[in-house]
Amino acid sequence: MELTGAEILIRCLQEEGVDCVFGYPGGAVLFIYDALFKQDKVKHVLVRHEQGAAHAADGYSRASNKIGVCLVTSGPGVTNAVTGIATAYMDSIPMVIITGQVPTHAIGQDAFQEVDAVGITRPCVKHNILVKDVRNLALAMKKAFHIARSGRPGPVLVDVPKDVTAASCKFEYPESISMRSYNPVVKGHPGQIKKAVQFLLGAKRPMIYTGGGVILSEAAAQLTALVKMLGFPCTSTLMGLGGFPGSDARFLGMLGMHGTYEANMAMQHCDVLLAVGARFDDRVIGNPQHFGEIPRKIVHIDIDPSSISKRVKVDVPIVGNVRDVIDDLVKVLEASREKPDVKALKAWWAQIELWKSKDCLRYDRASKIIKPQFVVEKLFEITKGDAIVTSDVGQHQMWAAQFYKFDKPRRWINSGGLGTMGFGLPAAMGAQLANPKATVTCVTGEASFQMCLQELSTCKQYRLPIKIVCLNNRYMGMVRQWQEFFHGNRYSESYLDALPDFAKLVESYGHVGVRIENPADVEPALKDAFQRKDELVFLDFITDQSENVFPMVPGGKGISEMILAEEL
C-alpha cells in the first residue's frame, strides 16, 4: 500500500513510540497536519511560538528520557525554533525537529518563507538531513531517532519539502540501522579502568565531580553506589544535580561560578579527581591556568571523545557510556584487595568540614522583605523535594540550584549551556505532559517570564496545572549583579520600569494569579497553590531588589577565588 510523505512521517513517529508532538502549523507543513488529523496515536500540542515548541520538546525529553519531537513550518518557523534547538544542543538533549521546506523545485529560488534550514542549523544540531525524495523519508527518520539518542545525545533536524509530503511511495520502516560512519564507543577500555582504580585507591584527597552525562545515561544509581562504596566527597555541575542525592552528607553542593565554598575548594585542592560525564566548562572551573596550578591526577569518563582534554589535560581518559563504565569500575574495585586510605580520607573530610563552617549560603532570615532564598527553601519543604522543577536563567536559577535539594535525576530542568531566558515555562509544559501526575513547578524571574509568557495560552488549552514561582526583583537580576560588582553600579538597561501586573495578566489567560509582598505570607501562599491540583497558579513574590547570589567567582578568575557575602 502506498502512503503520502506526510502519512509516512506520522507512521515513522508511531513506529518510534512517539505519543506527543509540539508544533505550530504553516503553509509548508499543511499535508503533515492533515495526516496528524486523520489518526489518534500521536497527540499534537499547539504552542503559541515555535521557540516554545522546541523548549517544550526539550523539557519533555529531559523529564522522561524519551525523545522530544517538534514540528515547525519553513522560513520563520525554522528560525524561531533555532534558539530552542541550540539550547538542546548545548545540553546534549535528544530531540527530533521536523521542519517544513518549500517545494524541491523552489529551493534556492528565494521562494516565499524559504530559508536554508540545514545551513542555518548546522552549528547547533548533532546532525541534519534534507529529504528530497519521498522514498528516502522513512530511512531519514530512522537515522534521526538513532543519532539523537545514541552516543552523546543531541537534536537532529529533518527538513521535508512540501512536495515530498504530498508525493507517494510504499512505506517500509527499517527495523534496525547501521551507519558505517557513526559508531559511538559504549564500553570503556579495561586497561584504563584498572589504571583509574589504582589512582582512586591511592588518593589522599580524592574528589568525584559529576555532570549532566550521569543524568543522560541513567547512571544515577550506579554513581550513588560508587560514591558510597568509596566514601569520597562528591560535587555536581548545574546540569548534574540529582545524579547524586543532594541531601546526602557526602554531597558538597554544586560547584562552579555560584557553587559552594566547600565544593570549589575541594575541587581545587584534591590530588585525584574523578570527572564523570562533565566537561570542565568555563562556569565550572573558571580559569584553566589557575586550575592547573595545583598538580592532581584526573580521570575523565565521557561518551564524547572530543570533550576529553578539551580545556583541561587529563591523565586517564575513558571513552564510553557513563553507566557502563561505572559498572566496570565498581567490579574492579570489588575485586581489588586494596581499599581507600581511611586515615588520609579522615583528614581530608576534616579539612572539608572546616570549609563548610564558612556557611557560604547564609542569608538574612530576619529580613522584613522577602528573600528569594527563603522562597526556594519553602518550596523545597512544601513539595518535600519531590517536584519536577524547571527554571529560567539568572539569579533565580542559581538560588533554585543552591537551595532546592534534588535527590533524584530528571527533577531539575534548566538551560545550562546556552543560558536561554524564556526556557522555563515551555519546558515545564513538556515535563508536565511527559509526567501527567507529577508536581511540576517553574521557578522564574519577571524578565525571563516575559520572553515566552504567551505559552500561558497553551497551558490553558491543555489544562496543565503548573505552579509558577516568580522571584520578582524588578531587575534583570544577574545583569544588575554584574553591573554592581564590575561596572561601578551603572545599571545600564537592567531596570524594568514598565512591568505588568502579573496576577491580572495571568488571570486574563484564565489562570490563578497571586501577588505576595510579606515574608509571613510566603508559606501559606505556596501551600494554597499546591493544594489547587487542577489549576495553573502564578505566585508573584516581590523580593529584595538588592539581593545577590553568593558565592561568586568573577569572570576569568580561578575556582577558589570566590567572593563571599561576608567580604563585601
Protein backbone atom coordinates (compact mmCIF):
# COMPACT_ATOMS: atom_id res chain seq x y z
CA MET A 1 0.00 0.00 0.00
CA GLU A 2 1.30 3.41 -0.95
CA LEU A 3 1.28 6.30 1.52
CA THR A 4 1.97 10.01 1.08
CA GLY A 5 5.13 11.53 2.54
CA ALA A 6 3.03 13.18 5.26
CA GLU A 7 1.43 9.83 6.19
CA ILE A 8 4.85 8.14 6.16
CA LEU A 9 6.16 10.81 8.53
CA ILE A 10 3.36 10.14 11.03
CA ARG A 11 3.78 6.35 10.68
CA CYS A 12 7.51 6.79 11.47
CA LEU A 13 6.62 8.68 14.66
CA GLN A 14 4.20 5.90 15.61
CA GLU A 15 6.88 3.26 14.97
CA GLU A 16 9.25 5.15 17.30
CA GLY A 17 6.63 5.19 20.05
CA VAL A 18 6.19 8.99 19.94
CA ASP A 19 3.00 9.95 21.76
CA CYS A 20 3.33 13.73 21.69
CA VAL A 21 4.50 16.33 19.14
CA PHE A 22 4.85 20.05 19.88
CA GLY A 23 4.26 22.31 16.93
CA TYR A 24 2.80 25.25 15.07
CA PRO A 25 1.22 24.91 11.62
CA GLY A 26 2.14 26.83 8.47
CA GLY A 27 1.96 26.53 4.70
CA ALA A 28 4.86 24.09 4.16
CA VAL A 29 3.59 21.54 6.70
CA LEU A 30 -0.15 21.51 5.96
CA PHE A 31 -0.07 18.00 4.46
CA ILE A 32 1.64 16.78 7.66
CA TYR A 33 -1.04 18.46 9.78
CA ASP A 34 -3.72 16.81 7.63
CA ALA A 35 -2.12 13.41 8.28
CA LEU A 36 -1.96 14.20 12.03
CA PHE A 37 -5.68 14.98 11.95
CA LYS A 38 -6.52 11.57 10.43
CA GLN A 39 -5.00 9.50 13.28
CA ASP A 40 -5.18 9.43 17.08
CA LYS A 41 -1.96 7.71 18.23
CA VAL A 42 0.26 10.82 18.10
CA LYS A 43 -1.08 13.78 20.06
CA HIS A 44 -0.26 17.27 18.78
CA VAL A 45 0.26 20.10 21.28
CA LEU A 46 -0.29 23.54 19.79
CA VAL A 47 2.19 26.03 21.25
CA ARG A 48 2.00 29.80 20.67
CA HIS A 49 5.52 30.32 19.32
CA GLU A 50 7.99 27.95 17.66
CA GLN A 51 10.62 28.67 20.33
CA GLY A 52 8.06 27.31 22.81
CA ALA A 53 7.69 24.16 20.66
CA ALA A 54 11.42 23.43 20.78
CA HIS A 55 11.68 24.16 24.55
CA ALA A 56 8.59 22.03 25.31
CA ALA A 57 10.01 19.08 23.33
CA ASP A 58 13.29 19.63 25.19
CA GLY A 59 11.56 19.66 28.62
CA TYR A 60 9.59 16.56 27.62
CA SER A 61 12.84 14.77 26.77
CA ARG A 62 14.68 15.83 29.94
CA ALA A 63 11.82 14.81 32.21
CA SER A 64 11.18 11.42 30.62
CA ASN A 65 14.24 10.01 28.87
CA LYS A 66 12.15 9.84 25.68
CA ILE A 67 12.92 11.75 22.51
CA GLY A 68 11.10 15.07 22.32
CA VAL A 69 9.67 15.91 18.89
CA CYS A 70 8.69 19.29 17.48
CA LEU A 71 7.18 20.26 14.14
CA VAL A 72 7.54 23.73 12.59
CA THR A 73 6.95 25.28 9.20
CA SER A 74 9.54 26.69 6.80
CA GLY A 75 11.19 30.14 6.98
CA PRO A 76 10.30 31.97 10.21
CA GLY A 77 9.07 28.67 11.72
CA VAL A 78 12.60 27.30 11.45
CA THR A 79 14.36 30.48 12.55
CA ASN A 80 12.05 30.89 15.56
CA ALA A 81 12.91 27.34 16.65
CA VAL A 82 16.70 27.80 16.37
CA THR A 83 17.09 29.13 19.95
CA GLY A 84 15.37 26.03 21.30
CA ILE A 85 17.45 23.73 19.07
CA ALA A 86 20.70 25.40 20.22
CA THR A 87 19.56 25.07 23.86
CA ALA A 88 19.11 21.30 23.42
CA TYR A 89 22.41 21.01 21.55
CA MET A 90 24.43 22.70 24.30
CA ASP A 91 22.93 20.43 26.97
CA SER A 92 23.07 17.24 24.83
CA ILE A 93 19.31 16.61 24.83
CA PRO A 94 17.91 14.04 22.35
CA MET A 95 15.31 15.69 20.12
CA VAL A 96 13.98 15.35 16.59
CA ILE A 97 12.93 18.56 14.85
CA ILE A 98 10.79 18.22 11.73
CA THR A 99 10.82 21.38 9.61
CA GLY A 100 8.73 22.14 6.57
CA GLN A 101 10.53 23.35 3.45
CA VAL A 102 9.42 24.99 0.19
CA PRO A 103 8.87 22.52 -2.72
CA THR A 104 12.10 20.98 -4.07
CA HIS A 105 11.89 22.88 -7.40
CA ALA A 106 11.75 26.19 -5.48
CA ILE A 107 14.74 25.53 -3.17
CA GLY A 108 17.39 28.17 -3.76
CA GLN A 109 14.95 30.47 -5.61
CA ASP A 110 14.24 32.79 -2.65
CA ALA A 111 10.71 31.43 -2.51
CA PHE A 112 8.12 32.67 -0.01
CA GLN A 113 9.05 31.52 3.52
CA GLU A 114 12.26 29.89 2.35
CA VAL A 115 15.40 29.64 4.49
CA ASP A 116 18.27 27.18 4.28
CA ALA A 117 17.25 25.15 7.34
CA VAL A 118 20.18 22.74 7.02
CA GLY A 119 22.70 25.58 6.68
CA ILE A 120 21.26 27.70 9.49
CA THR A 121 21.09 24.83 11.98
CA ARG A 122 24.34 23.05 11.08
CA PRO A 123 26.34 24.56 14.00
CA CYS A 124 23.68 23.71 16.61
CA VAL A 125 22.47 20.20 15.74
CA LYS A 126 24.10 16.81 16.08
CA HIS A 127 23.01 16.05 12.51
CA ASN A 128 20.54 17.33 9.93
CA ILE A 129 19.01 15.87 6.76
CA LEU A 130 17.24 17.44 3.77
CA VAL A 131 14.89 14.83 2.26
CA LYS A 132 14.46 15.42 -1.49
CA ASP A 133 12.80 12.11 -2.37
CA VAL A 134 9.80 10.60 -0.57
CA ARG A 135 11.42 7.13 -0.89
CA ASN A 136 14.22 8.28 1.44
CA LEU A 137 11.92 9.74 4.11
CA ALA A 138 11.42 6.65 6.32
CA LEU A 139 15.16 5.92 6.39
CA ALA A 140 15.93 9.58 7.21
CA MET A 141 13.53 9.44 10.17
CA LYS A 142 15.05 6.17 11.40
CA LYS A 143 18.52 7.74 11.21
CA ALA A 144 17.29 10.87 13.02
CA PHE A 145 15.97 8.95 16.03
CA HIS A 146 19.01 6.66 16.14
CA ILE A 147 21.53 9.53 16.04
CA ALA A 148 19.55 11.66 18.52
CA ARG A 149 19.53 9.01 21.28
CA SER A 150 22.86 7.18 20.80
CA GLY A 151 26.39 8.24 21.78
CA ARG A 152 26.38 11.77 23.13
CA PRO A 153 22.69 12.65 22.60
CA GLY A 154 21.57 15.76 20.78
CA PRO A 155 18.98 17.33 18.46
CA VAL A 156 18.62 16.07 14.89
CA LEU A 157 16.72 18.06 12.26
CA VAL A 158 14.83 16.58 9.30
CA ASP A 159 13.92 19.15 6.62
CA VAL A 160 10.98 17.99 4.44
CA PRO A 161 9.94 19.94 1.30
CA LYS A 162 6.19 20.37 0.77
CA ASP A 163 6.10 18.32 -2.45
CA VAL A 164 7.80 15.41 -0.66
CA THR A 165 4.98 15.36 1.91
CA ALA A 166 2.44 15.19 -0.97
CA ALA A 167 4.24 12.52 -3.07
CA SER A 168 3.50 8.80 -2.52
CA CYS A 169 5.51 5.59 -2.22
CA LYS A 170 5.42 2.21 -0.49
CA PHE A 171 6.04 2.52 3.27
CA GLU A 172 8.76 0.36 4.82
CA TYR A 173 10.27 1.28 8.18
CA PRO A 174 13.70 -0.25 8.83
CA GLU A 175 13.80 -2.42 11.97
CA SER A 176 17.42 -1.62 12.66
CA ILE A 177 20.08 0.63 11.26
CA SER A 178 23.85 0.56 10.96
CA MET A 179 25.84 3.57 9.85
CA ARG A 180 29.43 2.95 8.86
CA SER A 181 30.46 6.49 9.67
CA TYR A 182 28.74 6.61 13.06
CA ASN A 183 29.60 4.03 15.72
CA PRO A 184 29.92 5.60 19.18
CA VAL A 185 32.08 3.70 21.70
CA VAL A 186 29.96 2.42 24.60
CA LYS A 187 32.31 0.20 26.65
CA GLY A 188 35.29 1.75 28.43
CA HIS A 189 38.82 0.43 27.88
CA PRO A 190 39.57 -2.24 30.58
CA GLY A 191 43.21 -1.14 30.94
CA GLN A 192 42.19 2.50 31.51
CA ILE A 193 39.55 1.44 34.04
CA LYS A 194 42.19 -0.54 36.02
CA LYS A 195 44.53 2.46 35.92
CA ALA A 196 41.69 4.72 37.17
CA VAL A 197 41.05 2.34 40.09
CA GLN A 198 44.74 2.46 41.06
CA PHE A 199 44.64 6.27 41.17
CA LEU A 200 41.39 6.31 43.18
CA LEU A 201 42.64 3.81 45.78
CA GLY A 202 45.96 5.65 46.14
CA ALA A 203 44.31 9.08 46.63
CA LYS A 204 44.87 11.14 49.78
CA ARG A 205 42.47 13.95 48.84
CA PRO A 206 40.01 12.43 46.34
CA MET A 207 37.09 14.20 44.69
CA ILE A 208 34.26 13.00 42.45
CA TYR A 209 32.97 15.61 40.02
CA THR A 210 29.76 14.78 38.13
CA GLY A 211 27.84 16.40 35.30
CA GLY A 212 24.83 16.06 33.02
CA GLY A 213 26.23 12.87 31.46
CA VAL A 214 25.19 10.99 34.62
CA ILE A 215 21.56 12.04 34.07
CA LEU A 216 21.59 11.40 30.32
CA SER A 217 22.99 7.87 30.65
CA GLU A 218 20.63 6.93 33.51
CA ALA A 219 23.64 6.31 35.76
CA ALA A 220 22.40 7.94 39.00
CA ALA A 221 22.01 4.61 40.88
CA GLN A 222 25.46 3.43 39.75
CA LEU A 223 27.11 6.73 40.72
CA THR A 224 25.43 6.71 44.15
CA ALA A 225 26.68 3.15 44.77
CA LEU A 226 30.23 4.13 43.72
CA VAL A 227 30.36 7.22 45.99
CA LYS A 228 29.01 5.24 48.97
CA MET A 229 31.48 2.41 48.34
CA LEU A 230 34.48 4.78 48.28
CA GLY A 231 33.25 7.30 50.87
CA PHE A 232 34.64 10.16 48.74
CA PRO A 233 33.21 13.69 48.61
CA CYS A 234 31.06 14.37 45.56
CA THR A 235 30.07 17.56 43.76
CA SER A 236 27.96 18.27 40.71
CA THR A 237 27.60 20.80 37.93
CA LEU A 238 24.35 22.69 37.41
CA MET A 239 23.31 20.07 34.83
CA GLY A 240 24.23 17.12 37.02
CA LEU A 241 22.06 17.99 40.05
CA GLY A 242 20.02 14.98 41.12
CA GLY A 243 22.57 12.50 39.73
CA PHE A 244 23.71 12.03 43.35
CA PRO A 245 21.27 12.70 46.23
CA GLY A 246 21.54 16.38 47.21
CA SER A 247 20.65 15.61 50.84
CA ASP A 248 23.48 13.03 51.26
CA ALA A 249 26.29 14.01 53.66
CA ARG A 250 28.91 13.18 51.01
CA PHE A 251 27.45 15.76 48.64
CA LEU A 252 29.23 19.12 48.90
CA GLY A 253 26.70 21.01 46.79
CA MET A 254 27.02 22.42 43.31
CA LEU A 255 30.43 23.70 42.20
CA GLY A 256 31.46 26.47 39.84
CA MET A 257 30.74 30.18 39.45
CA HIS A 258 27.96 30.09 42.06
CA GLY A 259 28.95 26.82 43.69
CA THR A 260 29.51 26.29 47.41
CA TYR A 261 32.78 27.30 49.04
CA GLU A 262 33.49 23.71 50.16
CA ALA A 263 32.82 22.19 46.71
CA ASN A 264 35.07 24.70 44.92
CA MET A 265 37.89 24.45 47.47
CA ALA A 266 37.80 20.64 47.46
CA MET A 267 37.83 20.65 43.67
CA GLN A 268 40.86 22.96 43.60
CA HIS A 269 42.88 21.17 46.30
CA CYS A 270 42.17 17.49 45.58
CA ASP A 271 45.01 15.19 44.47
CA VAL A 272 42.87 12.74 42.45
CA LEU A 273 39.81 13.90 40.55
CA LEU A 274 37.26 11.56 39.00
CA ALA A 275 35.22 13.51 36.42
CA VAL A 276 32.06 11.70 35.36
CA GLY A 277 30.02 12.95 32.38
CA ALA A 278 31.14 16.56 32.83
CA ARG A 279 33.07 18.87 30.52
CA PHE A 280 35.19 21.26 32.68
CA ASP A 281 33.48 24.28 31.12
CA ASP A 282 34.22 27.91 31.96
CA ARG A 283 31.42 28.25 34.54
CA VAL A 284 32.68 25.20 36.42
CA ILE A 285 36.45 25.52 36.75
CA GLY A 286 36.87 29.20 35.92
CA ASN A 287 40.36 29.92 34.60
CA PRO A 288 42.04 26.64 33.38
CA GLN A 289 45.53 28.04 34.10
CA HIS A 290 44.61 28.74 37.72
CA PHE A 291 43.01 25.29 37.98
CA GLY A 292 46.20 23.66 36.69
CA GLU A 293 48.46 25.37 39.27
CA ILE A 294 47.89 22.60 41.82
CA PRO A 295 49.05 19.22 40.48
CA ARG A 296 46.42 16.46 40.52
CA LYS A 297 45.67 13.26 38.66
CA ILE A 298 42.49 13.47 36.59
CA VAL A 299 40.36 10.53 35.44
CA HIS A 300 37.73 11.64 32.92
CA ILE A 301 34.79 9.42 31.85
CA ASP A 302 32.74 10.70 28.89
CA ILE A 303 30.97 9.21 25.88
CA ASP A 304 32.23 12.04 23.68
CA PRO A 305 36.00 11.79 22.98
CA SER A 306 36.07 15.45 21.85
CA SER A 307 35.06 16.57 25.38
CA ILE A 308 38.10 14.89 26.98
CA SER A 309 41.23 17.06 27.38
CA LYS A 310 39.41 19.91 25.63
CA ARG A 311 40.01 22.50 28.39
CA VAL A 312 41.99 20.54 31.00
CA LYS A 313 44.73 17.95 30.41
CA VAL A 314 43.57 14.52 31.59
CA ASP A 315 45.75 11.64 32.89
CA VAL A 316 43.33 8.75 32.36
CA PRO A 317 40.76 9.29 29.57
CA ILE A 318 37.94 6.72 29.47
CA VAL A 319 35.61 6.96 26.47
CA GLY A 320 32.34 5.13 26.97
CA ASN A 321 28.79 5.28 28.24
CA VAL A 322 28.92 6.58 31.82
CA ARG A 323 26.66 3.87 33.24
CA ASP A 324 28.64 1.01 31.66
CA VAL A 325 31.99 2.47 32.72
CA ILE A 326 30.89 2.96 36.36
CA ASP A 327 29.59 -0.64 36.41
CA ASP A 328 33.03 -1.83 35.27
CA LEU A 329 34.78 0.45 37.79
CA VAL A 330 32.72 -0.99 40.65
CA LYS A 331 33.54 -4.58 39.56
CA VAL A 332 37.30 -3.84 39.56
CA LEU A 333 37.02 -2.07 42.94
CA GLU A 334 35.15 -5.01 44.46
CA ALA A 335 37.77 -7.44 43.16
CA SER A 336 40.66 -5.34 44.48
CA ARG A 337 42.35 -6.23 47.76
CA GLU A 338 43.26 -2.60 48.26
CA LYS A 339 40.89 -0.22 49.98
CA PRO A 340 40.84 3.60 50.16
CA ASP A 341 43.29 5.17 52.67
CA VAL A 342 40.99 5.60 55.70
CA LYS A 343 43.41 7.80 57.67
CA ALA A 344 44.06 10.20 54.77
CA LEU A 345 40.34 10.29 53.96
CA LYS A 346 39.52 11.23 57.57
CA ALA A 347 41.99 14.15 57.46
CA TRP A 348 40.56 15.25 54.07
CA TRP A 349 36.98 15.24 55.41
CA ALA A 350 38.17 17.27 58.45
CA GLN A 351 39.51 19.90 56.02
CA ILE A 352 36.23 19.89 54.10
CA GLU A 353 34.29 20.41 57.34
CA LEU A 354 36.44 23.49 58.02
CA TRP A 355 35.49 24.88 54.61
CA LYS A 356 31.84 24.01 55.29
CA SER A 357 31.93 26.03 58.51
CA LYS A 358 32.08 29.19 56.35
CA ASP A 359 28.32 28.61 55.84
CA CYS A 360 28.62 30.21 52.40
CA LEU A 361 24.89 30.11 51.58
CA ARG A 362 23.66 32.00 54.64
CA TYR A 363 21.36 34.98 54.22
CA ASP A 364 19.35 37.38 56.39
CA ARG A 365 16.49 35.26 57.71
CA ALA A 366 15.08 38.11 59.81
CA SER A 367 14.52 40.38 56.80
CA LYS A 368 11.24 42.30 56.54
CA ILE A 369 11.47 41.98 52.74
CA ILE A 370 11.02 38.58 51.07
CA LYS A 371 14.38 36.93 50.44
CA PRO A 372 14.44 34.81 47.27
CA GLN A 373 16.44 32.06 49.02
CA PHE A 374 13.68 31.78 51.62
CA VAL A 375 11.05 31.23 48.90
CA VAL A 376 13.07 28.37 47.36
CA GLU A 377 13.65 26.78 50.79
CA LYS A 378 9.90 26.87 51.50
CA LEU A 379 9.21 25.48 48.01
CA PHE A 380 11.50 22.54 48.83
CA GLU A 381 9.78 21.96 52.19
CA ILE A 382 6.24 22.05 50.81
CA THR A 383 6.96 19.84 47.78
CA LYS A 384 9.10 17.55 50.01
CA GLY A 385 11.80 17.75 47.34
CA ASP A 386 9.65 15.66 45.03
CA ALA A 387 8.62 18.18 42.38
CA ILE A 388 9.96 18.46 38.85
CA VAL A 389 11.49 21.95 38.90
CA THR A 390 12.14 23.86 35.70
CA SER A 391 13.80 27.25 35.70
CA ASP A 392 14.61 30.15 33.50
CA VAL A 393 18.04 31.80 33.55
CA GLY A 394 19.51 34.27 36.01
CA GLN A 395 19.69 34.75 39.76
CA HIS A 396 16.50 32.73 40.40
CA GLN A 397 18.07 29.77 38.55
CA MET A 398 21.12 29.83 40.84
CA TRP A 399 19.03 30.13 44.02
CA ALA A 400 16.89 27.20 42.89
CA ALA A 401 20.05 25.15 42.25
CA GLN A 402 21.55 26.13 45.63
CA PHE A 403 18.52 25.76 47.91
CA TYR A 404 16.38 23.01 46.37
CA LYS A 405 17.93 19.65 47.24
CA PHE A 406 17.49 17.31 44.30
CA ASP A 407 17.67 13.67 45.40
CA LYS A 408 16.55 12.13 42.13
CA PRO A 409 17.57 12.60 38.49
CA ARG A 410 15.37 14.31 35.88
CA ARG A 411 13.80 16.58 38.51
CA TRP A 412 15.89 19.67 37.67
CA ILE A 413 15.33 21.03 34.17
CA ASN A 414 17.09 24.18 33.05
CA SER A 415 19.18 25.67 30.27
CA GLY A 416 22.76 25.21 31.46
CA GLY A 417 24.96 25.55 28.38
CA LEU A 418 23.17 28.19 26.33
CA GLY A 419 21.50 30.01 29.25
CA THR A 420 18.19 30.68 27.49
CA MET A 421 15.77 33.11 29.13
CA GLY A 422 12.20 32.02 28.37
CA PHE A 423 13.04 28.32 28.69
CA GLY A 424 11.25 27.69 32.00
CA LEU A 425 7.52 27.79 31.13
CA PRO A 426 7.53 25.80 27.84
CA ALA A 427 9.96 23.28 29.41
CA ALA A 428 7.51 22.89 32.32
CA MET A 429 4.74 22.21 29.78
CA GLY A 430 6.82 19.44 28.22
CA ALA A 431 7.69 18.00 31.64
CA GLN A 432 4.02 18.03 32.72
CA LEU A 433 2.86 16.31 29.52
CA ALA A 434 5.57 13.66 29.95
CA ASN A 435 4.56 13.14 33.61
CA PRO A 436 0.84 13.98 33.89
CA LYS A 437 0.59 13.02 37.58
CA ALA A 438 3.79 14.77 38.72
CA THR A 439 4.00 18.08 40.55
CA VAL A 440 5.70 20.49 38.14
CA THR A 441 6.87 23.93 39.19
CA CYS A 442 8.63 26.62 37.19
CA VAL A 443 10.99 28.97 39.08
CA THR A 444 11.32 32.15 37.06
CA GLY A 445 12.05 35.86 37.19
CA GLU A 446 9.93 38.71 35.87
CA ALA A 447 12.38 39.37 32.99
CA SER A 448 12.72 35.72 31.88
CA PHE A 449 8.98 35.07 32.18
CA GLN A 450 8.14 37.78 29.68
CA MET A 451 10.16 36.02 26.98
CA CYS A 452 7.66 33.17 26.48
CA LEU A 453 4.61 34.14 28.55
CA GLN A 454 2.28 33.55 25.59
CA GLU A 455 2.55 29.84 26.42
CA LEU A 456 0.09 30.52 29.26
CA SER A 457 -2.46 30.12 26.48
CA THR A 458 -1.15 26.61 25.70
CA CYS A 459 -1.32 25.74 29.41
CA LYS A 460 -4.99 26.77 29.41
CA GLN A 461 -5.84 24.78 26.30
CA TYR A 462 -4.27 21.56 27.62
CA ARG A 463 -5.18 22.16 31.29
CA LEU A 464 -1.61 21.99 32.58
CA PRO A 465 -1.61 22.65 36.36
CA ILE A 466 1.92 24.08 36.54
CA LYS A 467 2.87 26.18 39.59
CA ILE A 468 4.93 29.22 38.57
CA VAL A 469 7.13 30.75 41.29
CA CYS A 470 8.28 34.19 40.15
CA LEU A 471 11.09 35.81 42.17
CA ASN A 472 10.27 39.35 41.13
CA ASN A 473 13.02 41.85 41.98
CA ARG A 474 12.10 44.37 39.23
CA TYR A 475 15.56 44.00 37.71
CA MET A 476 17.32 41.72 35.27
CA GLY A 477 18.90 40.36 38.42
CA MET A 478 22.08 38.71 37.19
CA VAL A 479 22.84 41.57 34.79
CA ARG A 480 22.35 44.03 37.68
CA GLN A 481 24.62 41.95 39.96
CA TRP A 482 27.47 42.07 37.45
CA GLN A 483 26.89 45.78 36.86
CA GLU A 484 27.07 46.36 40.62
CA PHE A 485 30.31 44.37 41.04
CA PHE A 486 32.23 45.14 37.86
CA HIS A 487 30.66 48.21 36.21
CA GLY A 488 30.58 50.78 39.02
CA ASN A 489 26.82 50.42 39.78
CA ARG A 490 25.93 51.70 36.31
CA TYR A 491 22.67 49.84 35.80
CA SER A 492 22.57 50.16 32.04
CA GLU A 493 19.22 48.85 30.72
CA SER A 494 18.83 46.31 33.54
CA TYR A 495 15.94 48.01 35.35
CA LEU A 496 12.44 47.01 34.34
CA ASP A 497 10.19 50.02 35.00
CA ALA A 498 7.24 49.02 32.83
CA LEU A 499 6.24 45.73 34.39
CA PRO A 500 2.70 44.40 34.06
CA ASP A 501 0.53 43.39 36.97
CA PHE A 502 1.40 39.70 36.62
CA ALA A 503 -1.53 38.49 38.73
CA LYS A 504 -4.02 40.26 36.43
CA LEU A 505 -2.11 39.19 33.31
CA VAL A 506 -2.20 35.54 34.33
CA GLU A 507 -5.88 35.82 35.26
CA SER A 508 -6.64 37.20 31.78
CA TYR A 509 -5.39 33.85 30.42
CA GLY A 510 -7.84 32.04 32.72
CA HIS A 511 -5.37 31.04 35.45
CA VAL A 512 -4.86 31.98 39.13
CA GLY A 513 -2.50 34.89 39.89
CA VAL A 514 -1.35 35.88 43.40
CA ARG A 515 0.97 38.72 44.50
CA ILE A 516 2.93 38.17 47.75
CA GLU A 517 4.85 41.00 49.45
CA ASN A 518 5.22 39.87 53.08
CA PRO A 519 7.64 37.10 54.24
CA ALA A 520 4.93 35.75 56.58
CA ASP A 521 2.68 35.09 53.57
CA VAL A 522 5.23 33.03 51.63
CA GLU A 523 4.48 29.65 53.15
CA PRO A 524 0.64 29.98 53.17
CA ALA A 525 0.68 31.15 49.52
CA LEU A 526 2.80 28.18 48.43
CA LYS A 527 0.66 25.70 50.38
CA ASP A 528 -2.54 27.08 48.86
CA ALA A 529 -1.05 26.93 45.35
CA PHE A 530 -0.02 23.28 45.60
CA GLN A 531 -3.42 22.32 47.00
CA ARG A 532 -5.01 23.57 43.75
CA LYS A 533 -4.26 20.35 41.91
CA ASP A 534 -6.05 21.19 38.68
CA GLU A 535 -5.14 24.85 38.23
CA LEU A 536 -2.15 26.78 36.99
CA VAL A 537 -1.12 29.20 39.75
CA PHE A 538 1.29 32.10 39.25
CA LEU A 539 2.91 33.31 42.51
CA ASP A 540 4.43 36.77 42.13
CA PHE A 541 6.86 37.08 45.07
CA ILE A 542 8.07 40.69 45.45
CA THR A 543 11.64 40.06 46.60
CA ASP A 544 14.58 42.10 47.87
CA GLN A 545 15.99 44.10 44.95
CA SER A 546 19.48 44.28 46.39
CA GLU A 547 19.96 40.53 46.99
CA ASN A 548 22.91 38.95 45.17
CA VAL A 549 23.92 35.34 44.52
CA PHE A 550 26.87 34.20 46.63
CA PRO A 551 29.42 32.68 46.49
CA MET A 552 30.55 34.10 43.18
CA VAL A 553 33.64 33.51 41.05
CA PRO A 554 34.25 36.61 38.89
CA GLY A 555 34.76 36.01 35.16
CA GLY A 556 38.35 34.99 34.32
CA LYS A 557 39.22 34.11 37.93
CA GLY A 558 40.05 30.69 39.35
CA ILE A 559 37.54 28.40 41.00
CA SER A 560 38.90 29.07 44.51
CA GLU A 561 38.91 32.88 44.05
CA MET A 562 35.36 33.37 45.31
CA ILE A 563 33.57 36.46 46.52
CA LEU A 564 31.60 35.61 49.67
CA ALA A 565 28.77 37.72 51.07
CA GLU A 566 30.78 38.50 54.24
CA GLU A 567 33.63 40.00 52.21
CA LEU A 568 31.54 42.86 50.84
